[in-house]
N, C-alpha and C. Protein backbone atom coordinates (compact mmCIF):
# COMPACT_ATOMS: atom_id res chain seq x y z
N SER A 1 7.29 10.08 13.06
CA SER A 1 6.76 10.33 11.81
C SER A 1 6.07 8.84 11.27
N GLY A 2 5.32 9.11 10.43
CA GLY A 2 4.59 7.75 9.96
C GLY A 2 3.17 7.56 10.41
N TRP A 3 3.04 6.94 11.52
CA TRP A 3 1.81 6.84 12.07
C TRP A 3 1.24 8.06 12.77
N ALA A 4 2.05 8.76 13.37
CA ALA A 4 1.69 10.21 14.07
C ALA A 4 2.93 11.22 13.71
N ASP A 5 2.36 12.11 13.00
CA ASP A 5 3.07 13.19 12.35
C ASP A 5 3.57 14.26 13.78
N GLU A 6 4.82 14.17 13.97
CA GLU A 6 5.35 15.15 15.01
C GLU A 6 5.58 16.64 14.82
N GLN A 7 5.39 16.75 13.48
CA GLN A 7 5.46 18.22 12.81
C GLN A 7 6.78 18.66 12.96
N ALA A 8 7.90 17.85 12.87
CA ALA A 8 9.33 18.17 12.99
C ALA A 8 10.03 17.54 11.75
N GLY A 9 11.02 18.01 11.44
CA GLY A 9 11.65 17.69 10.29
C GLY A 9 11.22 17.97 9.13
N ASP A 10 12.22 17.42 8.05
CA ASP A 10 11.98 18.06 6.47
C ASP A 10 10.81 16.88 5.87
N ILE A 11 10.57 16.00 6.38
CA ILE A 11 9.65 15.00 5.81
C ILE A 11 8.24 14.79 6.49
N ARG A 12 7.24 14.85 5.83
CA ARG A 12 5.84 14.50 6.41
C ARG A 12 5.57 13.25 5.79
N ASP A 13 5.55 12.23 6.58
CA ASP A 13 5.39 10.75 6.20
C ASP A 13 4.06 10.31 6.99
N HIS A 14 3.37 9.69 5.71
CA HIS A 14 1.84 9.07 6.38
C HIS A 14 2.08 7.68 6.01
N HIS A 15 1.36 7.08 6.93
CA HIS A 15 1.29 5.34 6.82
C HIS A 15 -0.13 5.29 6.75
N VAL A 16 -0.67 4.94 5.52
CA VAL A 16 -2.04 4.70 5.14
C VAL A 16 -2.39 3.41 4.55
N TYR A 17 -3.38 2.85 4.99
CA TYR A 17 -3.70 1.29 4.76
C TYR A 17 -5.21 1.22 4.23
N PRO A 18 -5.71 1.02 3.11
CA PRO A 18 -4.74 0.66 2.11
C PRO A 18 -4.21 1.79 1.47
N GLY A 19 -4.61 2.87 1.42
CA GLY A 19 -3.96 4.21 0.89
C GLY A 19 -4.02 4.36 -0.48
N PRO A 20 -3.51 5.49 -0.87
CA PRO A 20 -2.78 6.38 -0.39
C PRO A 20 -3.56 7.42 0.51
N CYS A 21 -4.62 7.39 0.14
CA CYS A 21 -5.55 8.65 0.89
C CYS A 21 -6.47 7.64 2.11
N GLN A 22 -6.76 8.46 2.80
CA GLN A 22 -7.72 7.87 3.98
C GLN A 22 -9.17 7.44 3.12
N VAL A 23 -9.57 8.28 2.49
CA VAL A 23 -10.81 7.69 1.70
C VAL A 23 -10.47 8.26 0.09
N ASP A 24 -11.13 7.59 -0.90
CA ASP A 24 -10.80 8.18 -2.08
C ASP A 24 -10.50 9.62 -2.31
N PHE A 25 -9.51 9.91 -2.72
CA PHE A 25 -9.05 11.29 -3.24
C PHE A 25 -9.31 12.18 -1.98
N ALA A 26 -8.98 11.71 -0.82
CA ALA A 26 -9.03 12.69 0.28
C ALA A 26 -7.69 12.45 1.18
N CYS A 27 -6.61 12.92 0.60
CA CYS A 27 -5.28 12.76 1.06
C CYS A 27 -4.74 13.72 1.99
N TYR A 28 -3.90 13.45 2.95
CA TYR A 28 -3.38 14.55 3.81
C TYR A 28 -2.86 15.74 2.91
N PRO A 29 -3.14 16.96 3.24
CA PRO A 29 -2.57 17.89 2.74
C PRO A 29 -1.13 18.10 2.79
N SER A 30 -0.36 18.71 1.78
CA SER A 30 0.99 19.01 2.23
C SER A 30 1.40 20.31 3.09
N MET A 31 2.29 20.16 3.78
CA MET A 31 2.78 21.30 4.63
C MET A 31 3.90 22.13 4.05
N PRO A 32 3.89 23.54 4.14
CA PRO A 32 5.13 24.18 3.38
C PRO A 32 6.23 23.99 4.06
N GLY A 33 7.33 23.77 3.41
CA GLY A 33 8.70 23.49 3.82
C GLY A 33 8.91 22.13 4.32
N ARG A 34 7.96 21.38 3.99
CA ARG A 34 8.14 19.76 4.27
C ARG A 34 7.95 18.95 3.02
N VAL A 35 8.69 18.04 2.83
CA VAL A 35 8.40 17.19 1.54
C VAL A 35 7.37 16.11 2.13
N THR A 36 6.23 15.79 1.57
CA THR A 36 5.07 14.83 1.90
C THR A 36 5.17 13.53 1.05
N VAL A 37 5.10 12.51 1.89
CA VAL A 37 5.33 11.29 1.36
C VAL A 37 4.22 10.41 2.00
N VAL A 38 4.02 9.21 1.18
CA VAL A 38 3.31 8.02 1.74
C VAL A 38 4.27 6.84 2.14
N GLY A 39 4.69 6.65 3.34
CA GLY A 39 5.83 5.72 3.67
C GLY A 39 5.44 4.42 3.66
N GLU A 40 4.02 4.19 3.88
CA GLU A 40 3.80 2.82 3.81
C GLU A 40 2.27 2.97 3.20
N LEU A 41 1.96 1.71 2.15
CA LEU A 41 0.61 1.84 1.92
C LEU A 41 0.50 0.43 1.21
N TRP A 42 -1.05 0.17 0.89
CA TRP A 42 -1.43 -1.20 0.11
C TRP A 42 -1.99 -2.01 1.27
N GLY A 43 -1.36 -3.26 1.36
CA GLY A 43 -2.18 -4.07 2.25
C GLY A 43 -3.42 -4.86 1.60
N ARG A 44 -3.08 -5.05 0.39
CA ARG A 44 -4.07 -5.77 -0.42
C ARG A 44 -3.89 -7.31 -0.68
N ARG A 45 -4.74 -8.13 -0.09
CA ARG A 45 -4.57 -9.42 -0.10
C ARG A 45 -4.97 -10.44 -1.59
N ARG A 46 -4.03 -11.06 -2.00
CA ARG A 46 -4.29 -12.01 -2.99
C ARG A 46 -3.80 -13.42 -2.59
N PHE A 47 -4.67 -14.41 -2.54
CA PHE A 47 -4.17 -15.91 -1.98
C PHE A 47 -4.09 -16.57 -3.34
N ILE A 48 -2.91 -17.20 -3.20
CA ILE A 48 -2.84 -18.15 -4.43
C ILE A 48 -2.26 -19.52 -3.77
N LEU A 49 -3.20 -20.48 -4.20
CA LEU A 49 -2.95 -21.97 -3.64
C LEU A 49 -1.55 -22.35 -3.55
N GLY A 50 -1.13 -23.06 -2.73
CA GLY A 50 0.03 -23.87 -2.64
C GLY A 50 1.38 -22.91 -2.46
N HIS A 51 1.21 -21.67 -2.02
CA HIS A 51 2.43 -20.81 -1.83
C HIS A 51 2.20 -19.86 -0.65
N ASN A 52 1.86 -20.22 0.55
CA ASN A 52 1.37 -19.47 1.52
C ASN A 52 2.21 -20.14 2.92
N TRP A 53 2.47 -19.48 3.83
CA TRP A 53 3.34 -19.85 5.06
C TRP A 53 2.40 -20.67 5.70
N PHE A 54 1.06 -20.43 5.95
CA PHE A 54 0.22 -21.30 6.87
C PHE A 54 -0.60 -22.31 6.06
N GLY A 55 -0.24 -22.60 4.68
CA GLY A 55 -1.02 -23.47 4.04
C GLY A 55 -2.07 -22.77 3.34
N ASP A 56 -3.00 -23.65 2.76
CA ASP A 56 -4.07 -23.32 2.10
C ASP A 56 -5.38 -23.13 2.73
N ASP A 57 -5.40 -22.99 4.16
CA ASP A 57 -6.49 -23.03 4.80
C ASP A 57 -7.03 -21.55 4.80
N TRP A 58 -6.45 -20.45 4.52
CA TRP A 58 -7.02 -19.30 4.36
C TRP A 58 -7.40 -18.87 2.80
N SER A 59 -7.82 -19.86 2.16
CA SER A 59 -8.09 -19.49 0.69
C SER A 59 -9.26 -18.67 0.45
N GLY A 60 -10.07 -18.51 1.58
CA GLY A 60 -11.21 -17.58 1.45
C GLY A 60 -10.99 -16.13 1.72
N LEU A 61 -9.71 -15.72 2.01
CA LEU A 61 -9.12 -14.47 2.21
C LEU A 61 -8.74 -13.91 0.97
N GLY A 62 -8.96 -12.67 0.73
CA GLY A 62 -8.12 -11.96 -0.26
C GLY A 62 -9.21 -11.76 -1.36
N MET A 63 -8.56 -11.18 -2.60
CA MET A 63 -9.37 -10.81 -3.75
C MET A 63 -9.01 -11.70 -4.81
N THR A 64 -9.77 -11.55 -6.08
CA THR A 64 -9.50 -12.39 -7.18
C THR A 64 -8.36 -11.41 -7.94
N GLU A 65 -7.59 -12.01 -8.91
CA GLU A 65 -6.56 -11.34 -9.68
C GLU A 65 -7.26 -10.17 -10.26
N GLU A 66 -8.40 -10.12 -10.83
CA GLU A 66 -8.92 -8.88 -11.48
C GLU A 66 -9.31 -7.70 -10.54
N GLU A 67 -9.75 -8.13 -9.08
CA GLU A 67 -10.08 -7.19 -7.95
C GLU A 67 -8.54 -6.71 -7.79
N PHE A 68 -7.62 -7.53 -7.59
CA PHE A 68 -6.32 -7.16 -7.21
C PHE A 68 -5.76 -5.86 -8.25
N TYR A 69 -5.63 -6.38 -9.37
CA TYR A 69 -5.23 -5.40 -10.53
C TYR A 69 -6.14 -4.03 -10.53
N GLN A 70 -7.55 -4.09 -10.38
CA GLN A 70 -8.30 -3.13 -10.32
C GLN A 70 -7.88 -2.27 -9.19
N ASN A 71 -7.69 -2.77 -7.90
CA ASN A 71 -7.29 -1.97 -6.77
C ASN A 71 -5.83 -1.21 -7.00
N TYR A 72 -5.01 -1.99 -7.55
CA TYR A 72 -3.48 -1.43 -7.84
C TYR A 72 -3.59 -0.23 -8.70
N SER A 73 -4.58 -0.39 -9.84
CA SER A 73 -4.80 0.75 -10.82
C SER A 73 -5.56 2.00 -10.14
N HIS A 74 -6.30 1.54 -9.24
CA HIS A 74 -7.19 2.73 -8.49
C HIS A 74 -6.02 3.56 -7.58
N THR A 75 -5.25 2.70 -7.05
CA THR A 75 -3.94 3.25 -5.79
C THR A 75 -3.40 4.09 -6.80
N LEU A 76 -2.74 3.61 -7.98
CA LEU A 76 -2.01 4.40 -8.95
C LEU A 76 -2.56 5.87 -9.28
N GLU A 77 -3.96 5.82 -9.58
CA GLU A 77 -4.57 6.79 -9.93
C GLU A 77 -4.74 7.97 -8.85
N GLN A 78 -4.75 7.33 -7.43
CA GLN A 78 -5.01 8.15 -6.44
C GLN A 78 -3.38 8.92 -6.07
N LEU A 79 -2.46 8.01 -6.53
CA LEU A 79 -1.13 8.68 -5.99
C LEU A 79 -0.80 9.92 -7.15
N GLN A 80 -1.26 9.58 -8.34
CA GLN A 80 -1.16 10.80 -9.38
C GLN A 80 -2.16 11.89 -8.89
N TRP A 81 -3.15 11.72 -8.38
CA TRP A 81 -4.05 12.69 -7.99
C TRP A 81 -3.19 13.49 -6.88
N ALA A 82 -2.55 12.79 -5.85
CA ALA A 82 -2.09 13.29 -4.64
C ALA A 82 -0.76 14.00 -5.05
N TYR A 83 0.00 13.64 -6.02
CA TYR A 83 1.04 14.18 -6.51
C TYR A 83 0.72 15.65 -7.21
N VAL A 84 -0.33 15.55 -8.00
CA VAL A 84 -1.01 16.84 -8.72
C VAL A 84 -1.45 17.73 -7.66
N LYS A 85 -2.25 17.15 -6.81
CA LYS A 85 -3.03 18.21 -5.99
C LYS A 85 -2.38 18.52 -4.87
N HIS A 86 -1.64 17.92 -4.30
CA HIS A 86 -0.67 18.10 -3.06
C HIS A 86 0.75 17.95 -3.04
N GLY A 87 1.16 17.78 -4.33
CA GLY A 87 2.68 17.90 -4.34
C GLY A 87 3.62 16.39 -3.64
N TYR A 88 2.83 15.40 -3.34
CA TYR A 88 3.33 14.08 -2.97
C TYR A 88 4.61 13.95 -3.72
N SER A 89 5.57 13.69 -2.76
CA SER A 89 6.92 13.34 -3.78
C SER A 89 7.33 11.61 -3.76
N ALA A 90 6.80 10.84 -2.90
CA ALA A 90 7.06 9.66 -2.79
C ALA A 90 6.04 8.69 -2.16
N ALA A 91 6.14 7.08 -2.53
CA ALA A 91 5.13 6.35 -1.96
C ALA A 91 6.00 5.07 -1.82
N VAL A 92 5.66 4.34 -0.90
CA VAL A 92 6.28 3.08 -0.57
C VAL A 92 5.25 1.96 -0.45
N PHE A 93 5.10 1.13 -1.35
CA PHE A 93 4.32 -0.11 -1.20
C PHE A 93 4.80 -0.86 -0.24
N THR A 94 3.80 -1.65 0.80
CA THR A 94 4.17 -2.58 1.76
C THR A 94 3.44 -3.74 1.30
N GLN A 95 3.96 -4.76 1.12
CA GLN A 95 5.39 -5.00 1.09
C GLN A 95 5.50 -5.70 -0.29
N THR A 96 6.76 -5.97 -0.69
CA THR A 96 7.04 -6.80 -2.24
C THR A 96 6.62 -8.10 -2.12
N THR A 97 6.82 -8.68 -1.05
CA THR A 97 6.45 -10.18 -0.86
C THR A 97 5.74 -10.47 0.36
N ASP A 98 4.79 -11.61 0.38
CA ASP A 98 4.12 -11.91 1.52
C ASP A 98 5.08 -12.42 2.62
N VAL A 99 4.82 -12.17 3.73
CA VAL A 99 5.89 -12.76 4.96
C VAL A 99 4.68 -13.56 5.81
N GLU A 100 5.21 -14.16 6.84
CA GLU A 100 4.62 -15.02 7.52
C GLU A 100 3.28 -14.52 8.10
N GLY A 101 1.99 -14.97 7.82
CA GLY A 101 0.82 -14.47 8.36
C GLY A 101 0.09 -13.32 7.72
N GLU A 102 0.98 -12.73 6.53
CA GLU A 102 0.31 -11.83 5.80
C GLU A 102 0.36 -11.88 4.40
N LEU A 103 -0.63 -11.72 3.70
CA LEU A 103 -0.93 -12.13 2.15
C LEU A 103 -0.95 -10.88 1.18
N ASN A 104 -0.27 -9.64 1.61
CA ASN A 104 -0.44 -8.52 0.86
C ASN A 104 0.89 -8.02 0.11
N GLY A 105 1.78 -9.15 -0.22
CA GLY A 105 2.94 -8.90 -1.23
C GLY A 105 2.51 -8.73 -2.56
N PHE A 106 3.23 -8.44 -3.57
CA PHE A 106 3.15 -8.39 -5.06
C PHE A 106 3.49 -9.93 -5.36
N PHE A 107 4.30 -10.58 -4.60
CA PHE A 107 4.89 -11.99 -4.73
C PHE A 107 4.43 -12.88 -3.57
N THR A 108 4.23 -14.15 -3.67
CA THR A 108 3.95 -15.13 -2.87
C THR A 108 5.02 -15.14 -1.90
N TYR A 109 4.63 -15.94 -0.63
CA TYR A 109 5.64 -16.06 0.44
C TYR A 109 7.03 -16.75 -0.08
N ASP A 110 6.72 -17.67 -0.79
CA ASP A 110 8.05 -18.47 -1.28
C ASP A 110 8.56 -17.94 -2.62
N ARG A 111 8.12 -16.62 -3.00
CA ARG A 111 8.71 -15.83 -4.11
C ARG A 111 8.63 -16.48 -5.33
N ARG A 112 7.68 -17.53 -5.60
CA ARG A 112 7.84 -18.32 -6.78
C ARG A 112 6.46 -17.84 -7.76
N GLU A 113 5.53 -16.96 -7.15
CA GLU A 113 4.34 -16.67 -8.15
C GLU A 113 4.00 -15.14 -7.95
N PRO A 114 4.19 -14.43 -8.98
CA PRO A 114 3.78 -12.97 -8.92
C PRO A 114 2.11 -12.86 -8.82
N LYS A 115 1.70 -11.94 -8.10
CA LYS A 115 0.12 -11.62 -7.73
C LYS A 115 -0.38 -10.95 -8.92
């Protein structure tokens, strides 16, 4: 499950980055008899100076606050569409906070700044 669906079990779990669909509004269809979820999605970077594991040398990475929120809003629209069109039951945003070498959390690595 996740990266490769083995077509077994009660849950069909997709890991899609940035997701939730492979392309805008082109999500995997549900399967009869199985609950469909997006077990991992997001992966959008927002760099905030002074709050990163590797220091501020990566300041050219990521998006602006406005772009971050636009992408988040668009992701929510796609999730709503996937729910209505395909009956998706759940989605898991990865990850809540930045970790070593990754800048795609909703909070900085030191957990001091929301994005």
